[in-house]
Amino acid sequence: MFAQLGGGIYTKAADVGADLIGKVEVGIPEDDPRNPATIADLVGDNVGDCAGQCADLFESISAEILSAMILGGTMANHAGLTPEIKSGFILFPLLVHSLDLWVSTISVFFVKTKPGHPSRDSNYGPLEDPLTVLKRGYYISLLLAMVGLFVICRYCLYIEALPNAYLYFYLCSVVGVVVSFFFVAITQYYTDYNFTPVQSIAHSSQMGHATNIITGLSVGLESTGLPIITISFGIISSYYLGEATGI
């Protein structure tokens, strides 16, 4: 955490200093090696974005896994489940993150461009939108994840006294997959130049700074609405699905 925050502050201060001194006062290009602040900026990028980000990611994932394991074990204790079933509830988060590795590894092989058409491109170069290529890999990972989650839920969360409980737990995981899908779609809608929000900001920018700021703020505030609705849907629906298990 220290590496990420310290590196982030360091790199941003150096970046702004390099831009002000280099481009504004001296007139040399951005990231020019003649500017010492550029070197400081690259050091800060390395500390904050590489080392710090990896440390923060590891901390977040490890805390998420541990909290889910404690939650599963506590719930199994309160329900009076047998030790064998209880161990499945505790191991469930570990198996889910192991599934992450397999799904991500397989999906990476689908992230590649298709060759261009000779009538439109004399060099036979890729004509696909890069975002389309990334989304194809993402959709493959969603499908694989849903299949893998069903197997893990059946293996870890099956209870003989409540034979359908694992299906409700699986539907909870499907809700999480659906929420992530909507998040990607909402993010693309508000940040992609092919859609109205970004086009409205670009149109306002042609009339001056004031309209650019007003439109940008309004679109930014509006963009929080759909994510809040999506998160609320995920929390409420997964809560009632969990309650339907009968545990």
C-alpha atoms as a PDB file:
ATOM      1  CA  MET A   1       0.000   0.000   0.000  1.00  0.00           C
ATOM      2  CA  PHE A   2       2.875   2.339   0.840  1.00  0.00           C
ATOM      3  CA  ALA A   3       4.527   1.578  -2.512  1.00  0.00           C
ATOM      4  CA  GLN A   4       1.336   2.283  -4.428  1.00  0.00           C
ATOM      5  CA  LEU A   5       0.376   5.529  -2.676  1.00  0.00           C
ATOM      6  CA  GLY A   6       3.931   6.823  -2.371  1.00  0.00           C
ATOM      7  CA  GLY A   7       4.734   5.903  -5.960  1.00  0.00           C
ATOM      8  CA  GLY A   8       1.472   7.419  -7.205  1.00  0.00           C
ATOM      9  CA  ILE A   9       2.129  10.755  -5.503  1.00  0.00           C
ATOM     10  CA  TYR A  10       5.744  10.744  -6.670  1.00  0.00           C
ATOM     11  CA  THR A  11       4.947   9.946 -10.294  1.00  0.00           C
ATOM     12  CA  LYS A  12       2.123  12.493 -10.534  1.00  0.00           C
ATOM     13  CA  ALA A  13       4.222  15.295  -9.048  1.00  0.00           C
ATOM     14  CA  ALA A  14       7.103  14.471 -11.390  1.00  0.00           C
ATOM     15  CA  ASP A  15       4.757  14.166 -14.378  1.00  0.00           C
ATOM     16  CA  VAL A  16       3.155  17.571 -13.787  1.00  0.00           C
ATOM     17  CA  GLY A  17       6.563  19.143 -13.154  1.00  0.00           C
ATOM     18  CA  ALA A  18       7.972  17.643 -16.356  1.00  0.00           C
ATOM     19  CA  ASP A  19       5.023  18.923 -18.393  1.00  0.00           C
ATOM     20  CA  LEU A  20       5.141  22.431 -16.927  1.00  0.00           C
ATOM     21  CA  ILE A  21       8.888  22.917 -17.245  1.00  0.00           C
ATOM     22  CA  GLY A  22       9.388  20.984 -20.462  1.00  0.00           C
ATOM     23  CA  LYS A  23       6.436  21.785 -22.682  1.00  0.00           C
ATOM     24  CA  VAL A  24       5.285  25.112 -21.255  1.00  0.00           C
ATOM     25  CA  GLU A  25       8.463  26.933 -20.233  1.00  0.00           C
ATOM     26  CA  VAL A  26      11.279  25.411 -22.286  1.00  0.00           C
ATOM     27  CA  GLY A  27       9.319  24.091 -25.275  1.00  0.00           C
ATOM     28  CA  ILE A  28      10.808  20.596 -25.515  1.00  0.00           C
ATOM     29  CA  PRO A  29       8.574  17.565 -26.268  1.00  0.00           C
ATOM     30  CA  GLU A  30       6.833  15.525 -23.601  1.00  0.00           C
ATOM     31  CA  ASP A  31       8.896  12.668 -22.091  1.00  0.00           C
ATOM     32  CA  ASP A  32      12.081  14.106 -23.595  1.00  0.00           C
ATOM     33  CA  PRO A  33      15.171  12.503 -21.941  1.00  0.00           C
ATOM     34  CA  ARG A  34      16.801  15.951 -21.669  1.00  0.00           C
ATOM     35  CA  ASN A  35      14.269  16.772 -18.951  1.00  0.00           C
ATOM     36  CA  PRO A  36      15.375  15.301 -15.558  1.00  0.00           C
ATOM     37  CA  ALA A  37      11.754  15.279 -14.352  1.00  0.00           C
ATOM     38  CA  THR A  38      10.970  12.731 -17.073  1.00  0.00           C
ATOM     39  CA  ILE A  39      13.371  10.266 -15.461  1.00  0.00           C
ATOM     40  CA  ALA A  40      11.731  10.891 -12.068  1.00  0.00           C
ATOM     41  CA  ASP A  41       8.329  10.347 -13.694  1.00  0.00           C
ATOM     42  CA  LEU A  42       9.387   6.952 -15.078  1.00  0.00           C
ATOM     43  CA  VAL A  43      10.757   5.925 -11.666  1.00  0.00           C
ATOM     44  CA  GLY A  44       7.442   6.869 -10.071  1.00  0.00           C
ATOM     45  CA  ASP A  45       5.536   4.921 -12.728  1.00  0.00           C
ATOM     46  CA  ASN A  46       7.611   1.846 -11.907  1.00  0.00           C
ATOM     47  CA  VAL A  47       7.073   2.158  -8.163  1.00  0.00           C
ATOM     48  CA  GLY A  48       3.401   3.143  -8.225  1.00  0.00           C
ATOM     49  CA  ASP A  49       1.974   1.387 -11.267  1.00  0.00           C
ATOM     50  CA  CYS A  50       4.090  -1.791 -11.277  1.00  0.00           C
ATOM     51  CA  ALA A  51       5.346  -2.698  -7.800  1.00  0.00           C
ATOM     52  CA  GLY A  52       2.628  -0.884  -5.853  1.00  0.00           C
ATOM     53  CA  GLN A  53      -0.231  -2.013  -8.058  1.00  0.00           C
ATOM     54  CA  CYS A  54       0.848  -5.660  -7.827  1.00  0.00           C
ATOM     55  CA  ALA A  55       1.165  -5.400  -4.049  1.00  0.00           C
ATOM     56  CA  ASP A  56      -2.281  -3.807  -3.789  1.00  0.00           C
ATOM     57  CA  LEU A  57      -3.828  -6.429  -6.080  1.00  0.00           C
ATOM     58  CA  PHE A  58      -2.330  -9.273  -4.046  1.00  0.00           C
ATOM     59  CA  GLU A  59      -3.556  -7.701  -0.801  1.00  0.00           C
ATOM     60  CA  SER A  60      -7.080  -7.226  -2.179  1.00  0.00           C
ATOM     61  CA  ILE A  61      -7.391 -10.776  -3.529  1.00  0.00           C
ATOM     62  CA  SER A  62      -5.906 -12.424  -0.431  1.00  0.00           C
ATOM     63  CA  ALA A  63      -8.253 -10.442   1.848  1.00  0.00           C
ATOM     64  CA  GLU A  64     -11.209 -11.369  -0.360  1.00  0.00           C
ATOM     65  CA  ILE A  65     -10.346 -15.087  -0.273  1.00  0.00           C
ATOM     66  CA  LEU A  66      -9.767 -15.160   3.494  1.00  0.00           C
ATOM     67  CA  SER A  67     -12.974 -13.274   4.286  1.00  0.00           C
ATOM     68  CA  ALA A  68     -15.001 -15.610   2.035  1.00  0.00           C
ATOM     69  CA  MET A  69     -13.433 -18.687   3.690  1.00  0.00           C
ATOM     70  CA  ILE A  70     -14.254 -17.351   7.165  1.00  0.00           C
ATOM     71  CA  LEU A  71     -17.795 -16.506   6.039  1.00  0.00           C
ATOM     72  CA  GLY A  72     -18.329 -19.997   4.587  1.00  0.00           C
ATOM     73  CA  GLY A  73     -16.994 -21.735   7.691  1.00  0.00           C
ATOM     74  CA  THR A  74     -19.088 -19.544  10.001  1.00  0.00           C
ATOM     75  CA  MET A  75     -22.249 -20.178   8.007  1.00  0.00           C
ATOM     76  CA  ALA A  76     -21.616 -23.926   7.993  1.00  0.00           C
ATOM     77  CA  ASN A  77     -21.105 -23.834  11.796  1.00  0.00           C
ATOM     78  CA  HIS A  78     -24.347 -21.956  12.394  1.00  0.00           C
ATOM     79  CA  ALA A  79     -26.214 -24.379  10.105  1.00  0.00           C
ATOM     80  CA  GLY A  80     -24.827 -27.375  12.009  1.00  0.00           C
ATOM     81  CA  LEU A  81     -23.390 -28.974   8.870  1.00  0.00           C
ATOM     82  CA  THR A  82     -21.058 -31.972   9.032  1.00  0.00           C
ATOM     83  CA  PRO A  83     -17.265 -31.395   8.929  1.00  0.00           C
ATOM     84  CA  GLU A  84     -17.080 -32.838   5.393  1.00  0.00           C
ATOM     85  CA  ILE A  85     -19.619 -30.343   4.055  1.00  0.00           C
ATOM     86  CA  LYS A  86     -18.078 -27.553   6.120  1.00  0.00           C
ATOM     87  CA  SER A  87     -14.692 -28.139   4.482  1.00  0.00           C
ATOM     88  CA  GLY A  88     -16.328 -27.686   1.071  1.00  0.00           C
ATOM     89  CA  PHE A  89     -17.700 -24.286   2.116  1.00  0.00           C
ATOM     90  CA  ILE A  90     -14.245 -23.244   3.323  1.00  0.00           C
ATOM     91  CA  LEU A  91     -12.393 -24.465   0.210  1.00  0.00           C
ATOM     92  CA  PHE A  92     -14.925 -22.963  -2.220  1.00  0.00           C
ATOM     93  CA  PRO A  93     -13.194 -19.516  -2.577  1.00  0.00           C
ATOM     94  CA  LEU A  94      -9.813 -21.159  -3.218  1.00  0.00           C
ATOM     95  CA  LEU A  95     -11.242 -23.323  -6.001  1.00  0.00           C
ATOM     96  CA  VAL A  96     -12.988 -20.324  -7.561  1.00  0.00           C
ATOM     97  CA  HIS A  97      -9.709 -18.407  -7.801  1.00  0.00           C
ATOM     98  CA  SER A  98      -7.967 -21.500  -9.152  1.00  0.00           C
ATOM     99  CA  LEU A  99     -10.676 -21.520 -11.822  1.00  0.00           C
ATOM    100  CA  ASP A 100      -9.721 -17.892 -12.584  1.00  0.00           C
ATOM    101  CA  LEU A 101      -6.264 -19.003 -13.674  1.00  0.00           C
ATOM    102  CA  TRP A 102      -7.551 -21.689 -16.028  1.00  0.00           C
ATOM    103  CA  VAL A 103     -10.274 -19.501 -17.545  1.00  0.00           C
ATOM    104  CA  SER A 104      -7.910 -16.556 -18.078  1.00  0.00           C
ATOM    105  CA  THR A 105      -5.234 -18.764 -19.629  1.00  0.00           C
ATOM    106  CA  ILE A 106      -7.668 -20.314 -22.111  1.00  0.00           C
ATOM    107  CA  SER A 107      -9.340 -16.988 -22.977  1.00  0.00           C
ATOM    108  CA  VAL A 108      -6.024 -15.329 -23.803  1.00  0.00           C
ATOM    109  CA  PHE A 109      -5.693 -17.579 -26.852  1.00  0.00           C
ATOM    110  CA  PHE A 110      -8.868 -16.007 -28.312  1.00  0.00           C
ATOM    111  CA  VAL A 111      -7.521 -12.458 -28.015  1.00  0.00           C
ATOM    112  CA  LYS A 112      -6.118 -12.080 -31.530  1.00  0.00           C
ATOM    113  CA  THR A 113      -7.119 -10.128 -34.611  1.00  0.00           C
ATOM    114  CA  LYS A 114      -8.573 -11.604 -37.762  1.00  0.00           C
ATOM    115  CA  PRO A 115      -6.777 -10.827 -41.066  1.00  0.00           C
ATOM    116  CA  GLY A 116      -8.120  -7.965 -43.168  1.00  0.00           C
ATOM    117  CA  HIS A 117      -9.986  -8.272 -46.462  1.00  0.00           C
ATOM    118  CA  PRO A 118      -7.809  -7.790 -49.593  1.00  0.00           C
ATOM    119  CA  SER A 119     -10.352  -5.476 -51.243  1.00  0.00           C
ATOM    120  CA  ARG A 120     -10.163  -3.055 -48.309  1.00  0.00           C
ATOM    121  CA  ASP A 121      -6.572  -3.414 -47.216  1.00  0.00           C
ATOM    122  CA  SER A 122      -3.721  -4.050 -49.617  1.00  0.00           C
ATOM    123  CA  ASN A 123      -1.447  -5.197 -46.787  1.00  0.00           C
ATOM    124  CA  TYR A 124      -3.935  -7.758 -45.435  1.00  0.00           C
ATOM    125  CA  GLY A 125      -3.604  -6.045 -42.057  1.00  0.00           C
ATOM    126  CA  PRO A 126      -5.993  -6.447 -39.123  1.00  0.00           C
ATOM    127  CA  LEU A 127      -9.173  -4.408 -39.523  1.00  0.00           C
ATOM    128  CA  GLU A 128     -10.897  -5.434 -36.286  1.00  0.00           C
ATOM    129  CA  ASP A 129     -11.551  -2.912 -33.550  1.00  0.00           C
ATOM    130  CA  PRO A 130      -9.126  -3.692 -30.676  1.00  0.00           C
ATOM    131  CA  LEU A 131     -11.992  -3.438 -28.189  1.00  0.00           C
ATOM    132  CA  THR A 132     -13.910  -6.109 -30.128  1.00  0.00           C
ATOM    133  CA  VAL A 133     -10.887  -8.413 -29.859  1.00  0.00           C
ATOM    134  CA  LEU A 134     -10.643  -7.903 -26.092  1.00  0.00           C
ATOM    135  CA  LYS A 135     -14.376  -8.371 -25.587  1.00  0.00           C
ATOM    136  CA  ARG A 136     -14.263 -11.670 -27.493  1.00  0.00           C
ATOM    137  CA  GLY A 137     -11.749 -13.018 -24.989  1.00  0.00           C
ATOM    138  CA  TYR A 138     -13.862 -11.634 -22.152  1.00  0.00           C
ATOM    139  CA  TYR A 139     -17.032 -13.353 -23.399  1.00  0.00           C
ATOM    140  CA  ILE A 140     -15.174 -16.659 -23.718  1.00  0.00           C
ATOM    141  CA  SER A 141     -14.004 -16.285 -20.124  1.00  0.00           C
ATOM    142  CA  LEU A 142     -17.586 -15.610 -18.969  1.00  0.00           C
ATOM    143  CA  LEU A 143     -18.882 -18.797 -20.593  1.00  0.00           C
ATOM    144  CA  LEU A 144     -16.041 -20.909 -19.233  1.00  0.00           C
ATOM    145  CA  ALA A 145     -16.483 -19.380 -15.781  1.00  0.00           C
ATOM    146  CA  MET A 146     -20.194 -20.238 -15.685  1.00  0.00           C
ATOM    147  CA  VAL A 147     -19.450 -23.865 -16.565  1.00  0.00           C
ATOM    148  CA  GLY A 148     -16.615 -24.104 -14.033  1.00  0.00           C
ATOM    149  CA  LEU A 149     -18.653 -22.447 -11.291  1.00  0.00           C
ATOM    150  CA  PHE A 150     -21.430 -24.992 -11.726  1.00  0.00           C
ATOM    151  CA  VAL A 151     -18.952 -27.857 -11.232  1.00  0.00           C
ATOM    152  CA  ILE A 152     -17.371 -26.212  -8.180  1.00  0.00           C
ATOM    153  CA  CYS A 153     -20.759 -25.421  -6.590  1.00  0.00           C
ATOM    154  CA  ARG A 154     -21.881 -29.019  -7.128  1.00  0.00           C
ATOM    155  CA  TYR A 155     -18.652 -30.381  -5.664  1.00  0.00           C
ATOM    156  CA  CYS A 156     -18.243 -28.038  -2.666  1.00  0.00           C
ATOM    157  CA  LEU A 157     -21.734 -26.856  -1.729  1.00  0.00           C
ATOM    158  CA  TYR A 158     -23.874 -29.977  -2.145  1.00  0.00           C
ATOM    159  CA  ILE A 159     -25.927 -30.945   0.944  1.00  0.00           C
ATOM    160  CA  GLU A 160     -27.867 -34.220   0.996  1.00  0.00           C
ATOM    161  CA  ALA A 161     -30.618 -32.815   3.218  1.00  0.00           C
ATOM    162  CA  LEU A 162     -31.047 -29.856   0.809  1.00  0.00           C
ATOM    163  CA  PRO A 163     -30.231 -31.268  -2.639  1.00  0.00           C
ATOM    164  CA  ASN A 164     -31.176 -28.074  -4.503  1.00  0.00           C
ATOM    165  CA  ALA A 165     -29.215 -25.670  -2.297  1.00  0.00           C
ATOM    166  CA  TYR A 166     -26.121 -25.750  -4.491  1.00  0.00           C
ATOM    167  CA  LEU A 167     -28.214 -24.636  -7.482  1.00  0.00           C
ATOM    168  CA  TYR A 168     -29.220 -21.460  -5.646  1.00  0.00           C
ATOM    169  CA  PHE A 169     -25.590 -20.841  -4.720  1.00  0.00           C
ATOM    170  CA  TYR A 170     -24.689 -21.329  -8.372  1.00  0.00           C
ATOM    171  CA  LEU A 171     -27.336 -18.788  -9.383  1.00  0.00           C
ATOM    172  CA  CYS A 172     -25.718 -16.366  -6.934  1.00  0.00           C
ATOM    173  CA  SER A 173     -22.451 -16.757  -8.826  1.00  0.00           C
ATOM    174  CA  VAL A 174     -24.301 -16.276 -12.125  1.00  0.00           C
ATOM    175  CA  VAL A 175     -25.637 -12.987 -10.744  1.00  0.00           C
ATOM    176  CA  GLY A 176     -22.028 -11.919 -10.157  1.00  0.00           C
ATOM    177  CA  VAL A 177     -21.104 -12.813 -13.744  1.00  0.00           C
ATOM    178  CA  VAL A 178     -24.108 -10.863 -15.076  1.00  0.00           C
ATOM    179  CA  VAL A 179     -23.182  -7.833 -12.950  1.00  0.00           C
ATOM    180  CA  SER A 180     -19.627  -7.867 -14.341  1.00  0.00           C
ATOM    181  CA  PHE A 181     -21.024  -8.075 -17.888  1.00  0.00           C
ATOM    182  CA  PHE A 182     -23.282  -5.056 -17.299  1.00  0.00           C
ATOM    183  CA  PHE A 183     -20.353  -3.135 -15.809  1.00  0.00           C
ATOM    184  CA  VAL A 184     -18.334  -3.649 -18.986  1.00  0.00           C
ATOM    185  CA  ALA A 185     -21.298  -2.592 -21.156  1.00  0.00           C
ATOM    186  CA  ILE A 186     -22.018   0.512 -19.029  1.00  0.00           C
ATOM    187  CA  THR A 187     -18.344   1.520 -18.998  1.00  0.00           C
ATOM    188  CA  GLN A 188     -18.136   1.202 -22.769  1.00  0.00           C
ATOM    189  CA  TYR A 189     -21.324   3.233 -23.231  1.00  0.00           C
ATOM    190  CA  TYR A 190     -20.007   6.167 -21.180  1.00  0.00           C
ATOM    191  CA  THR A 191     -16.383   6.107 -22.417  1.00  0.00           C
ATOM    192  CA  ASP A 192     -16.496   4.926 -26.058  1.00  0.00           C
ATOM    193  CA  TYR A 193     -16.568   7.588 -28.787  1.00  0.00           C
ATOM    194  CA  ASN A 194     -19.167   5.563 -30.707  1.00  0.00           C
ATOM    195  CA  PHE A 195     -21.872   6.382 -28.143  1.00  0.00           C
ATOM    196  CA  THR A 196     -23.843   9.496 -27.225  1.00  0.00           C
ATOM    197  CA  PRO A 197     -22.190  10.557 -23.907  1.00  0.00           C
ATOM    198  CA  VAL A 198     -18.692  11.031 -25.350  1.00  0.00           C
ATOM    199  CA  GLN A 199     -20.106  12.533 -28.551  1.00  0.00           C
ATOM    200  CA  SER A 200     -22.097  15.078 -26.530  1.00  0.00           C
ATOM    201  CA  ILE A 201     -18.944  16.154 -24.671  1.00  0.00           C
ATOM    202  CA  ALA A 202     -17.035  16.444 -27.950  1.00  0.00           C
ATOM    203  CA  HIS A 203     -19.861  18.508 -29.456  1.00  0.00           C
ATOM    204  CA  SER A 204     -19.912  20.829 -26.434  1.00  0.00           C
ATOM    205  CA  SER A 205     -16.137  21.260 -26.630  1.00  0.00           C
ATOM    206  CA  GLN A 206     -16.551  22.964 -30.011  1.00  0.00           C
ATOM    207  CA  MET A 207     -18.465  25.812 -28.335  1.00  0.00           C
ATOM    208  CA  GLY A 208     -15.912  26.591 -25.634  1.00  0.00           C
ATOM    209  CA  HIS A 209     -14.492  25.668 -22.231  1.00  0.00           C
ATOM    210  CA  ALA A 210     -17.629  26.431 -20.205  1.00  0.00           C
ATOM    211  CA  THR A 211     -19.937  24.112 -22.135  1.00  0.00           C
ATOM    212  CA  ASN A 212     -17.242  21.421 -22.108  1.00  0.00           C
ATOM    213  CA  ILE A 213     -17.027  21.550 -18.294  1.00  0.00           C
ATOM    214  CA  ILE A 214     -20.813  21.617 -17.824  1.00  0.00           C
ATOM    215  CA  THR A 215     -21.466  18.707 -20.193  1.00  0.00           C
ATOM    216  CA  GLY A 216     -18.532  16.708 -18.836  1.00  0.00           C
ATOM    217  CA  LEU A 217     -19.729  17.095 -15.249  1.00  0.00           C
ATOM    218  CA  SER A 218     -23.316  16.212 -16.147  1.00  0.00           C
ATOM    219  CA  VAL A 219     -22.276  13.081 -18.045  1.00  0.00           C
ATOM    220  CA  GLY A 220     -19.928  12.090 -15.215  1.00  0.00           C
ATOM    221  CA  LEU A 221     -22.681  12.435 -12.608  1.00  0.00           C
ATOM    222  CA  GLU A 222     -25.164  10.607 -14.824  1.00  0.00           C
ATOM    223  CA  SER A 223     -22.744   7.721 -15.365  1.00  0.00           C
ATOM    224  CA  THR A 224     -22.982   6.685 -11.694  1.00  0.00           C
ATOM    225  CA  GLY A 225     -26.717   5.882 -11.927  1.00  0.00           C
ATOM    226  CA  LEU A 226     -26.655   2.614 -13.864  1.00  0.00           C
ATOM    227  CA  PRO A 227     -23.758   1.109 -11.844  1.00  0.00           C
ATOM    228  CA  ILE A 228     -25.640   1.816  -8.598  1.00  0.00           C
ATOM    229  CA  ILE A 229     -28.777   0.131  -9.975  1.00  0.00           C
ATOM    230  CA  THR A 230     -26.694  -2.841 -11.165  1.00  0.00           C
ATOM    231  CA  ILE A 231     -24.955  -3.274  -7.795  1.00  0.00           C
ATOM    232  CA  SER A 232     -28.299  -3.007  -5.978  1.00  0.00           C
ATOM    233  CA  PHE A 233     -29.765  -5.681  -8.259  1.00  0.00           C
ATOM    234  CA  GLY A 234     -26.790  -7.959  -7.583  1.00  0.00           C
ATOM    235  CA  ILE A 235     -26.952  -7.556  -3.784  1.00  0.00           C
ATOM    236  CA  ILE A 236     -30.730  -7.979  -3.462  1.00  0.00           C
ATOM    237  CA  SER A 237     -31.086 -10.881  -5.896  1.00  0.00           C
ATOM    238  CA  SER A 238     -28.125 -12.815  -4.446  1.00  0.00           C
ATOM    239  CA  TYR A 239     -29.495 -12.252  -0.936  1.00  0.00           C
ATOM    240  CA  TYR A 240     -32.875 -13.785  -1.804  1.00  0.00           C
ATOM    241  CA  LEU A 241     -31.229 -16.624  -3.728  1.00  0.00           C
ATOM    242  CA  GLY A 242     -29.092 -17.397  -0.692  1.00  0.00           C
ATOM    243  CA  GLU A 243     -32.174 -17.321   1.513  1.00  0.00           C
ATOM    244  CA  ALA A 244     -33.927 -19.759  -0.858  1.00  0.00           C
ATOM    245  CA  THR A 245     -31.272 -22.420  -0.171  1.00  0.00           C
ATOM    246  CA  GLY A 246     -32.986 -23.194   3.130  1.00  0.00           C
ATOM    247  CA  ILE A 247     -29.743 -23.156   5.119  1.00  0.00           C
END
